[in-house]
């Protein structure tokens, strides 16, 4: 199955060559960014507050802005990263999902590598009906981190996350 997928990818790349997700310059098949954009995209540094997700120099924990137990932001919300993510989210550039998901996976492994997660669940979005950008990311993250992916559809399920997880375990034990 993987060979067929790779074959189809190579055939499509002959017709539709891969382009940088930030500037649309032609790039090789194993990249997502051209060299210029790779050097310019603003990632968060090593010194991240894992409670608010900002760099420690910009930490907002003292303002109680966010109510998360832990949070990790891979990119700064500005410049090339912001433009690429907005294009992905609002202009339905689904093929960007792999880039963002793999960047998230690398950050999760680096900062939370010692934590054993049970599953990943996407946060429902009401902005683009029929286009679940968070679901695309979550599915790739689950696959790359070897986790259960729970597709959470508020309109269909109306379950809490724990109920959804328990239902998934029951469904899988019956097969």
N, C-alpha and C. Protein backbone atom coordinates (compact mmCIF):
# COMPACT_ATOMS: atom_id res chain seq x y z
N UNK A 1 0.82 -1.19 0.00
CA UNK A 1 0.00 0.00 0.00
C UNK A 1 0.87 1.26 0.00
N UNK A 2 1.95 1.22 0.81
CA UNK A 2 2.85 2.37 0.88
C UNK A 2 3.54 2.62 -0.45
N UNK A 3 3.89 1.53 -1.17
CA UNK A 3 4.53 1.69 -2.48
C UNK A 3 3.59 2.35 -3.49
N UNK A 4 2.33 2.00 -3.43
CA UNK A 4 1.35 2.61 -4.34
C UNK A 4 1.21 4.10 -4.02
N UNK A 5 1.17 4.40 -2.73
CA UNK A 5 1.05 5.80 -2.31
C UNK A 5 2.27 6.60 -2.78
N UNK A 6 3.46 6.04 -2.61
CA UNK A 6 4.68 6.72 -3.05
C UNK A 6 4.71 6.87 -4.57
N UNK A 7 4.25 5.86 -5.27
CA UNK A 7 4.20 5.92 -6.73
C UNK A 7 3.27 7.05 -7.19
N UNK A 8 2.08 7.09 -6.60
CA UNK A 8 1.12 8.14 -6.96
C UNK A 8 1.66 9.53 -6.62
N UNK A 9 2.33 9.64 -5.48
CA UNK A 9 2.94 10.92 -5.11
C UNK A 9 3.97 11.36 -6.15
N UNK A 10 4.80 10.44 -6.60
CA UNK A 10 5.84 10.78 -7.57
C UNK A 10 5.24 11.17 -8.92
N UNK A 11 4.16 10.50 -9.31
CA UNK A 11 3.50 10.85 -10.56
C UNK A 11 2.84 12.23 -10.48
N UNK A 12 2.20 12.50 -9.36
CA UNK A 12 1.57 13.80 -9.17
C UNK A 12 2.60 14.93 -9.11
N UNK A 13 3.76 14.64 -8.52
CA UNK A 13 4.79 15.68 -8.42
C UNK A 13 5.34 16.06 -9.79
N UNK A 14 5.25 15.16 -10.75
CA UNK A 14 5.69 15.50 -12.10
C UNK A 14 4.74 16.52 -12.73
N UNK A 15 3.47 16.41 -12.39
CA UNK A 15 2.47 17.33 -12.93
C UNK A 15 2.35 18.57 -12.05
N UNK A 16 2.32 18.34 -10.75
CA UNK A 16 2.19 19.42 -9.78
C UNK A 16 3.41 19.41 -8.86
N UNK A 17 4.47 20.09 -9.24
CA UNK A 17 5.68 20.07 -8.40
C UNK A 17 5.41 20.71 -7.03
N UNK A 18 6.11 20.22 -6.03
CA UNK A 18 5.91 20.69 -4.67
C UNK A 18 6.45 22.12 -4.54
N UNK A 19 5.69 22.95 -3.81
CA UNK A 19 6.06 24.34 -3.62
C UNK A 19 6.16 24.66 -2.13
N UNK A 20 6.98 25.61 -1.81
CA UNK A 20 7.14 26.11 -0.45
C UNK A 20 5.79 26.61 0.04
N UNK A 21 5.42 26.23 1.26
CA UNK A 21 4.11 26.63 1.77
C UNK A 21 4.05 28.10 2.15
N UNK A 22 5.19 28.76 2.18
CA UNK A 22 5.21 30.19 2.52
C UNK A 22 5.29 31.10 1.30
N UNK A 23 6.15 30.74 0.33
CA UNK A 23 6.38 31.66 -0.79
C UNK A 23 6.07 31.05 -2.16
N UNK A 24 5.74 29.78 -2.20
CA UNK A 24 5.39 29.05 -3.43
C UNK A 24 6.56 28.79 -4.37
N UNK A 25 7.79 28.97 -3.89
CA UNK A 25 8.96 28.62 -4.70
C UNK A 25 9.02 27.09 -4.83
N UNK A 26 9.46 26.59 -5.98
CA UNK A 26 9.59 25.15 -6.17
C UNK A 26 10.63 24.59 -5.21
N UNK A 27 10.30 23.44 -4.61
CA UNK A 27 11.21 22.79 -3.65
C UNK A 27 11.25 21.30 -3.94
N UNK A 28 12.18 20.60 -3.30
CA UNK A 28 12.25 19.15 -3.51
C UNK A 28 11.14 18.46 -2.72
N UNK A 29 10.86 17.24 -3.08
CA UNK A 29 9.71 16.49 -2.55
C UNK A 29 9.77 16.23 -1.04
N UNK A 30 10.96 16.28 -0.46
CA UNK A 30 11.09 15.97 0.96
C UNK A 30 11.04 17.21 1.84
N UNK A 31 10.78 18.37 1.26
CA UNK A 31 10.75 19.63 2.01
C UNK A 31 9.35 20.21 2.04
N UNK A 32 9.18 21.16 2.91
CA UNK A 32 7.93 21.93 2.98
C UNK A 32 8.21 23.41 2.78
N UNK A 33 9.46 23.80 3.07
CA UNK A 33 9.87 25.19 2.96
C UNK A 33 11.11 25.29 2.08
N UNK A 34 11.23 26.41 1.37
CA UNK A 34 12.47 26.67 0.64
C UNK A 34 13.54 27.07 1.66
N UNK A 35 14.77 27.13 1.25
CA UNK A 35 15.87 27.46 2.17
C UNK A 35 15.69 28.86 2.78
N UNK A 36 15.24 29.81 1.98
CA UNK A 36 15.05 31.18 2.48
C UNK A 36 13.97 31.23 3.56
N UNK A 37 12.84 30.57 3.32
CA UNK A 37 11.74 30.58 4.29
C UNK A 37 12.10 29.76 5.52
N UNK A 38 12.82 28.66 5.34
CA UNK A 38 13.27 27.84 6.47
C UNK A 38 14.12 28.68 7.42
N UNK A 39 14.96 29.53 6.85
CA UNK A 39 15.81 30.40 7.66
C UNK A 39 15.04 31.55 8.30
N UNK A 40 13.91 31.92 7.69
CA UNK A 40 13.16 33.10 8.15
C UNK A 40 11.97 32.79 9.05
N UNK A 41 11.45 31.58 9.00
CA UNK A 41 10.26 31.26 9.78
C UNK A 41 10.60 31.35 11.27
N UNK A 42 9.70 31.93 12.04
CA UNK A 42 9.99 32.19 13.45
C UNK A 42 9.42 31.10 14.35
N UNK A 43 10.33 30.21 14.76
CA UNK A 43 9.96 29.17 15.72
C UNK A 43 10.21 29.71 17.12
N UNK A 44 9.50 29.18 18.09
CA UNK A 44 9.80 29.54 19.47
C UNK A 44 11.13 28.94 19.85
N UNK A 45 11.83 29.58 20.76
CA UNK A 45 13.15 29.11 21.17
C UNK A 45 13.02 27.96 22.15
N UNK A 46 14.15 27.54 22.65
CA UNK A 46 14.19 26.44 23.63
C UNK A 46 13.56 26.84 24.96
N UNK A 47 13.62 28.12 25.28
CA UNK A 47 13.19 28.60 26.59
C UNK A 47 11.71 28.95 26.58
N UNK A 48 10.86 27.91 26.59
CA UNK A 48 9.41 28.09 26.50
C UNK A 48 8.77 27.81 27.85
N UNK A 49 7.83 28.65 28.23
CA UNK A 49 7.00 28.38 29.40
C UNK A 49 5.96 27.34 28.97
N UNK A 50 5.99 26.18 29.60
CA UNK A 50 5.08 25.10 29.20
C UNK A 50 3.68 25.26 29.79
N UNK A 51 3.41 26.37 30.45
CA UNK A 51 2.07 26.63 30.97
C UNK A 51 1.27 27.57 30.09
N UNK A 52 1.95 28.56 29.49
CA UNK A 52 1.22 29.48 28.60
C UNK A 52 1.63 29.29 27.14
N UNK A 53 2.78 28.63 26.89
CA UNK A 53 3.22 28.35 25.53
C UNK A 53 4.09 29.42 24.92
N UNK A 54 4.26 30.54 25.60
CA UNK A 54 5.10 31.63 25.09
C UNK A 54 6.54 31.44 25.55
N UNK A 55 7.45 32.14 24.87
CA UNK A 55 8.83 32.15 25.36
C UNK A 55 8.82 32.78 26.74
N UNK A 56 9.73 32.36 27.59
CA UNK A 56 9.74 32.86 28.97
C UNK A 56 9.82 34.39 29.04
N UNK A 57 10.51 34.99 28.08
CA UNK A 57 10.62 36.45 28.08
C UNK A 57 9.27 37.13 27.81
N UNK A 58 8.34 36.41 27.18
CA UNK A 58 7.01 36.94 26.88
C UNK A 58 5.90 36.23 27.65
N UNK A 59 6.26 35.49 28.70
CA UNK A 59 5.31 34.69 29.48
C UNK A 59 4.14 35.54 29.95
N UNK A 60 2.93 35.00 29.81
CA UNK A 60 1.72 35.71 30.23
C UNK A 60 1.03 35.03 31.41
N UNK A 61 1.71 34.10 32.05
CA UNK A 61 1.10 33.37 33.16
C UNK A 61 0.65 34.31 34.28
N UNK A 62 1.42 35.36 34.54
CA UNK A 62 1.07 36.27 35.63
C UNK A 62 -0.26 36.99 35.38
N UNK A 63 -0.70 37.02 34.13
CA UNK A 63 -1.97 37.67 33.80
C UNK A 63 -3.14 36.69 33.80
N UNK A 64 -2.86 35.40 34.02
CA UNK A 64 -3.90 34.36 34.00
C UNK A 64 -4.72 34.40 32.72
N UNK A 65 -4.04 34.58 31.60
CA UNK A 65 -4.73 34.67 30.31
C UNK A 65 -5.25 33.29 29.89
N UNK A 66 -4.44 32.27 30.06
CA UNK A 66 -4.81 30.92 29.63
C UNK A 66 -5.05 30.04 30.84
N UNK A 67 -5.90 29.06 30.65
CA UNK A 67 -6.22 28.14 31.74
C UNK A 67 -5.87 26.70 31.35
N UNK A 68 -4.64 26.49 30.94
CA UNK A 68 -4.19 25.16 30.55
C UNK A 68 -3.24 24.62 31.60
N UNK A 69 -3.22 23.30 31.70
CA UNK A 69 -2.25 22.68 32.58
C UNK A 69 -0.86 22.77 31.95
N UNK A 70 -0.79 22.52 30.65
CA UNK A 70 0.45 22.69 29.89
C UNK A 70 0.09 23.01 28.45
N UNK A 71 0.94 23.81 27.82
CA UNK A 71 0.69 24.27 26.47
C UNK A 71 2.02 24.41 25.75
N UNK A 72 2.04 24.07 24.49
CA UNK A 72 3.27 24.15 23.71
C UNK A 72 2.97 24.81 22.37
N UNK A 73 3.65 25.88 22.08
CA UNK A 73 3.52 26.58 20.80
C UNK A 73 4.81 26.39 20.02
N UNK A 74 4.72 25.85 18.83
CA UNK A 74 5.90 25.58 18.02
C UNK A 74 6.41 26.85 17.36
N UNK A 75 5.50 27.64 16.82
CA UNK A 75 5.88 28.84 16.08
C UNK A 75 5.38 30.09 16.79
N UNK A 76 6.04 31.20 16.50
CA UNK A 76 5.51 32.49 16.94
C UNK A 76 4.35 32.82 16.01
N UNK A 77 3.35 33.47 16.55
CA UNK A 77 2.16 33.79 15.75
C UNK A 77 2.39 35.11 14.99
N UNK A 78 3.32 35.05 14.06
CA UNK A 78 3.63 36.23 13.26
C UNK A 78 4.38 35.78 12.00
N UNK A 79 4.52 36.68 11.07
CA UNK A 79 5.34 36.45 9.90
C UNK A 79 4.93 35.26 9.05
N UNK A 80 5.93 34.51 8.58
CA UNK A 80 5.70 33.40 7.65
C UNK A 80 4.85 32.29 8.26
N UNK A 81 5.12 31.95 9.51
CA UNK A 81 4.37 30.87 10.16
C UNK A 81 2.89 31.24 10.26
N UNK A 82 2.61 32.47 10.65
CA UNK A 82 1.23 32.92 10.77
C UNK A 82 0.54 32.89 9.42
N UNK A 83 1.20 33.41 8.41
CA UNK A 83 0.62 33.44 7.07
C UNK A 83 0.33 32.02 6.56
N UNK A 84 1.28 31.12 6.73
CA UNK A 84 1.10 29.75 6.27
C UNK A 84 -0.03 29.06 7.04
N UNK A 85 -0.09 29.27 8.36
CA UNK A 85 -1.15 28.63 9.14
C UNK A 85 -2.52 29.20 8.80
N UNK A 86 -2.61 30.50 8.60
CA UNK A 86 -3.89 31.09 8.22
C UNK A 86 -4.33 30.58 6.85
N UNK A 87 -3.39 30.42 5.94
CA UNK A 87 -3.73 29.84 4.63
C UNK A 87 -4.24 28.41 4.80
N UNK A 88 -3.60 27.66 5.67
CA UNK A 88 -4.02 26.29 5.95
C UNK A 88 -5.43 26.26 6.55
N UNK A 89 -5.64 27.10 7.56
CA UNK A 89 -6.90 27.07 8.30
C UNK A 89 -8.06 27.71 7.55
N UNK A 90 -7.85 28.90 7.02
CA UNK A 90 -8.97 29.65 6.45
C UNK A 90 -9.13 29.49 4.94
N UNK A 91 -8.05 29.13 4.25
CA UNK A 91 -8.13 28.96 2.79
C UNK A 91 -8.02 27.49 2.39
N UNK A 92 -8.19 26.63 3.39
CA UNK A 92 -8.33 25.18 3.18
C UNK A 92 -7.18 24.56 2.38
N UNK A 93 -5.97 24.90 2.75
CA UNK A 93 -4.77 24.32 2.13
C UNK A 93 -4.40 23.06 2.92
N UNK A 94 -5.19 22.02 2.74
CA UNK A 94 -5.04 20.80 3.54
C UNK A 94 -3.65 20.19 3.42
N UNK A 95 -2.99 20.35 2.29
CA UNK A 95 -1.67 19.75 2.11
C UNK A 95 -0.61 20.38 3.03
N UNK A 96 -0.93 21.47 3.71
CA UNK A 96 -0.01 22.06 4.69
C UNK A 96 -0.04 21.29 6.01
N UNK A 97 -1.06 20.48 6.22
CA UNK A 97 -1.26 19.82 7.52
C UNK A 97 -0.07 18.96 7.92
N UNK A 98 0.54 18.28 6.97
CA UNK A 98 1.66 17.40 7.31
C UNK A 98 2.82 18.21 7.89
N UNK A 99 3.12 19.35 7.29
CA UNK A 99 4.22 20.20 7.80
C UNK A 99 3.95 20.59 9.25
N UNK A 100 2.77 21.16 9.52
CA UNK A 100 2.48 21.62 10.88
C UNK A 100 2.41 20.46 11.86
N UNK A 101 1.82 19.34 11.47
CA UNK A 101 1.70 18.19 12.37
C UNK A 101 3.08 17.61 12.71
N UNK A 102 3.95 17.49 11.72
CA UNK A 102 5.29 16.93 11.99
C UNK A 102 6.11 17.87 12.86
N UNK A 103 5.95 19.17 12.68
CA UNK A 103 6.63 20.14 13.56
C UNK A 103 6.10 19.99 14.99
N UNK A 104 4.79 19.80 15.12
CA UNK A 104 4.20 19.60 16.45
C UNK A 104 4.70 18.31 17.08
N UNK A 105 4.79 17.25 16.30
CA UNK A 105 5.28 15.97 16.81
C UNK A 105 6.70 16.10 17.35
N UNK A 106 7.56 16.77 16.61
CA UNK A 106 8.95 16.97 17.05
C UNK A 106 8.99 17.74 18.37
N UNK A 107 8.17 18.77 18.49
CA UNK A 107 8.13 19.56 19.73
C UNK A 107 7.58 18.74 20.89
N UNK A 108 6.56 17.93 20.64
CA UNK A 108 5.98 17.09 21.69
C UNK A 108 7.02 16.09 22.18
N UNK A 109 7.72 15.45 21.26
CA UNK A 109 8.76 14.47 21.65
C UNK A 109 9.86 15.15 22.46
N UNK A 110 10.22 16.35 22.06
CA UNK A 110 11.30 17.07 22.73
C UNK A 110 10.91 17.52 24.13
N UNK A 111 9.74 18.13 24.26
CA UNK A 111 9.35 18.73 25.53
C UNK A 111 8.54 17.81 26.44
N UNK A 112 7.85 16.83 25.87
CA UNK A 112 7.00 15.94 26.66
C UNK A 112 7.32 14.47 26.40
N UNK A 113 8.54 14.19 26.00
CA UNK A 113 8.94 12.84 25.63
C UNK A 113 8.76 11.80 26.71
N UNK A 114 8.83 12.22 27.96
CA UNK A 114 8.70 11.26 29.07
C UNK A 114 7.26 11.01 29.48
N UNK A 115 6.32 11.69 28.86
CA UNK A 115 4.91 11.51 29.20
C UNK A 115 4.28 10.48 28.26
N UNK A 116 3.52 9.55 28.81
CA UNK A 116 2.81 8.55 28.01
C UNK A 116 1.37 9.03 27.84
N UNK A 117 1.03 9.45 26.63
CA UNK A 117 -0.31 9.92 26.34
C UNK A 117 -1.21 8.75 25.98
N UNK A 118 -2.50 8.85 26.32
CA UNK A 118 -3.47 7.80 26.01
C UNK A 118 -4.03 7.96 24.61
N UNK A 119 -4.31 9.18 24.21
CA UNK A 119 -4.95 9.44 22.93
C UNK A 119 -4.77 10.90 22.56
N UNK A 120 -5.13 11.24 21.34
CA UNK A 120 -5.22 12.64 20.93
C UNK A 120 -6.62 12.87 20.37
N UNK A 121 -7.11 14.06 20.61
CA UNK A 121 -8.46 14.42 20.18
C UNK A 121 -8.42 15.82 19.62
N UNK A 122 -9.03 16.03 18.49
CA UNK A 122 -9.02 17.37 17.89
C UNK A 122 -10.06 18.26 18.57
N UNK A 123 -9.79 19.54 18.53
CA UNK A 123 -10.72 20.52 19.07
C UNK A 123 -11.65 20.92 17.94
N UNK A 124 -12.94 20.76 18.12
CA UNK A 124 -13.87 21.07 17.03
C UNK A 124 -13.79 22.54 16.63
N UNK A 125 -13.95 22.79 15.36
CA UNK A 125 -13.93 24.15 14.85
C UNK A 125 -15.25 24.45 14.17
N UNK A 126 -15.78 25.60 14.46
CA UNK A 126 -17.04 26.00 13.85
C UNK A 126 -16.81 27.02 12.73
N UNK A 127 -15.56 27.40 12.52
CA UNK A 127 -15.24 28.44 11.55
C UNK A 127 -15.50 27.95 10.12
N UNK A 128 -14.98 26.81 9.78
CA UNK A 128 -15.10 26.28 8.42
C UNK A 128 -15.89 24.98 8.44
N UNK A 129 -17.17 25.07 8.37
CA UNK A 129 -18.00 23.86 8.35
C UNK A 129 -17.55 22.95 7.20
N UNK A 130 -17.38 21.68 7.51
CA UNK A 130 -16.98 20.71 6.50
C UNK A 130 -15.48 20.63 6.28
N UNK A 131 -14.70 21.52 6.88
CA UNK A 131 -13.24 21.49 6.75
C UNK A 131 -12.66 21.48 8.16
N UNK A 132 -12.25 20.31 8.61
CA UNK A 132 -11.78 20.13 9.98
C UNK A 132 -10.26 20.20 10.03
N UNK A 133 -9.72 21.42 10.02
CA UNK A 133 -8.27 21.59 10.00
C UNK A 133 -7.61 20.96 11.22
N UNK A 134 -8.23 21.06 12.38
CA UNK A 134 -7.63 20.46 13.58
C UNK A 134 -7.68 18.93 13.52
N UNK A 135 -8.71 18.40 12.88
CA UNK A 135 -8.80 16.95 12.71
C UNK A 135 -7.69 16.40 11.83
N UNK A 136 -7.36 17.13 10.75
CA UNK A 136 -6.27 16.70 9.87
C UNK A 136 -4.95 16.64 10.65
N UNK A 137 -4.68 17.69 11.42
CA UNK A 137 -3.45 17.74 12.21
C UNK A 137 -3.41 16.61 13.23
N UNK A 138 -4.51 16.44 13.94
CA UNK A 138 -4.57 15.45 15.01
C UNK A 138 -4.39 14.03 14.49
N UNK A 139 -4.96 13.76 13.35
CA UNK A 139 -4.84 12.42 12.76
C UNK A 139 -3.37 12.11 12.43
N UNK A 140 -2.66 13.07 11.87
CA UNK A 140 -1.25 12.88 11.53
C UNK A 140 -0.41 12.76 12.80
N UNK A 141 -0.71 13.58 13.79
CA UNK A 141 0.01 13.51 15.07
C UNK A 141 -0.18 12.15 15.71
N UNK A 142 -1.42 11.65 15.73
CA UNK A 142 -1.70 10.34 16.32
C UNK A 142 -0.91 9.24 15.61
N UNK A 143 -0.89 9.30 14.29
CA UNK A 143 -0.16 8.29 13.52
C UNK A 143 1.34 8.34 13.81
N UNK A 144 1.90 9.54 13.87
CA UNK A 144 3.34 9.68 14.07
C UNK A 144 3.79 9.41 15.51
N UNK A 145 2.90 9.61 16.47
CA UNK A 145 3.25 9.35 17.86
C UNK A 145 2.68 8.02 18.36
N UNK A 146 2.10 7.25 17.45
CA UNK A 146 1.55 5.94 17.79
C UNK A 146 0.47 6.03 18.88
N UNK A 147 -0.46 6.94 18.70
CA UNK A 147 -1.52 7.16 19.67
C UNK A 147 -2.88 6.90 19.05
N UNK A 148 -3.86 6.71 19.88
CA UNK A 148 -5.24 6.58 19.44
C UNK A 148 -5.72 7.96 19.00
N UNK A 149 -6.38 8.02 17.87
CA UNK A 149 -6.99 9.27 17.41
C UNK A 149 -8.48 9.18 17.63
N UNK A 150 -9.03 10.10 18.39
CA UNK A 150 -10.46 10.15 18.63
C UNK A 150 -11.05 11.33 17.87
N UNK A 151 -11.69 11.07 16.76
CA UNK A 151 -12.31 12.18 16.03
C UNK A 151 -13.51 12.69 16.81
N UNK A 152 -13.43 13.88 17.26
CA UNK A 152 -14.47 14.46 18.10
C UNK A 152 -15.37 15.35 17.26
N UNK A 153 -16.60 14.96 17.11
CA UNK A 153 -17.57 15.71 16.32
C UNK A 153 -18.69 16.15 17.25
N UNK A 154 -18.69 17.40 17.62
CA UNK A 154 -19.68 17.91 18.58
C UNK A 154 -21.09 17.68 18.08
N UNK A 155 -21.32 17.93 16.79
CA UNK A 155 -22.68 17.80 16.26
C UNK A 155 -23.19 16.36 16.37
N UNK A 156 -22.27 15.40 16.24
CA UNK A 156 -22.68 14.00 16.24
C UNK A 156 -22.66 13.39 17.64
N UNK A 157 -21.61 13.66 18.40
CA UNK A 157 -21.39 12.93 19.64
C UNK A 157 -21.98 13.58 20.89
N UNK A 158 -21.71 14.84 21.09
CA UNK A 158 -22.11 15.55 22.31
C UNK A 158 -21.63 14.80 23.55
N UNK A 159 -20.46 14.20 23.46
CA UNK A 159 -19.87 13.48 24.58
C UNK A 159 -18.70 14.27 25.14
N UNK A 160 -18.41 14.05 26.40
CA UNK A 160 -17.19 14.62 26.96
C UNK A 160 -16.01 13.81 26.43
N UNK A 161 -14.82 14.35 26.57
CA UNK A 161 -13.62 13.66 26.11
C UNK A 161 -13.49 12.29 26.78
N UNK A 162 -13.72 12.23 28.10
CA UNK A 162 -13.59 10.95 28.81
C UNK A 162 -14.64 9.95 28.34
N UNK A 163 -15.86 10.41 28.07
CA UNK A 163 -16.90 9.51 27.55
C UNK A 163 -16.53 8.99 26.18
N UNK A 164 -15.96 9.87 25.35
CA UNK A 164 -15.53 9.48 24.01
C UNK A 164 -14.43 8.42 24.08
N UNK A 165 -13.46 8.63 24.98
CA UNK A 165 -12.37 7.68 25.16
C UNK A 165 -12.90 6.33 25.65
N UNK A 166 -13.80 6.36 26.62
CA UNK A 166 -14.39 5.12 27.13
C UNK A 166 -15.19 4.41 26.05
N UNK A 167 -15.93 5.15 25.25
CA UNK A 167 -16.69 4.55 24.14
C UNK A 167 -15.75 3.91 23.14
N UNK A 168 -14.62 4.58 22.84
CA UNK A 168 -13.63 4.02 21.91
C UNK A 168 -13.09 2.69 22.43
N UNK A 169 -12.79 2.62 23.73
CA UNK A 169 -12.27 1.39 24.32
C UNK A 169 -13.30 0.27 24.26
N UNK A 170 -14.56 0.58 24.50
CA UNK A 170 -15.64 -0.42 24.42
C UNK A 170 -15.80 -0.90 22.99
N UNK A 171 -15.82 0.02 22.03
CA UNK A 171 -15.97 -0.34 20.62
C UNK A 171 -14.84 -1.25 20.17
N UNK A 172 -13.62 -0.98 20.58
CA UNK A 172 -12.46 -1.78 20.16
C UNK A 172 -12.40 -3.13 20.88
N UNK A 173 -12.95 -3.23 22.07
CA UNK A 173 -12.94 -4.53 22.78
C UNK A 173 -13.98 -5.48 22.19
N UNK A 174 -14.99 -4.94 21.47
CA UNK A 174 -16.03 -5.77 20.88
C UNK A 174 -15.65 -6.29 19.50
N UNK A 175 -14.52 -5.85 18.95
CA UNK A 175 -14.14 -6.28 17.60
C UNK A 175 -13.21 -7.45 17.62
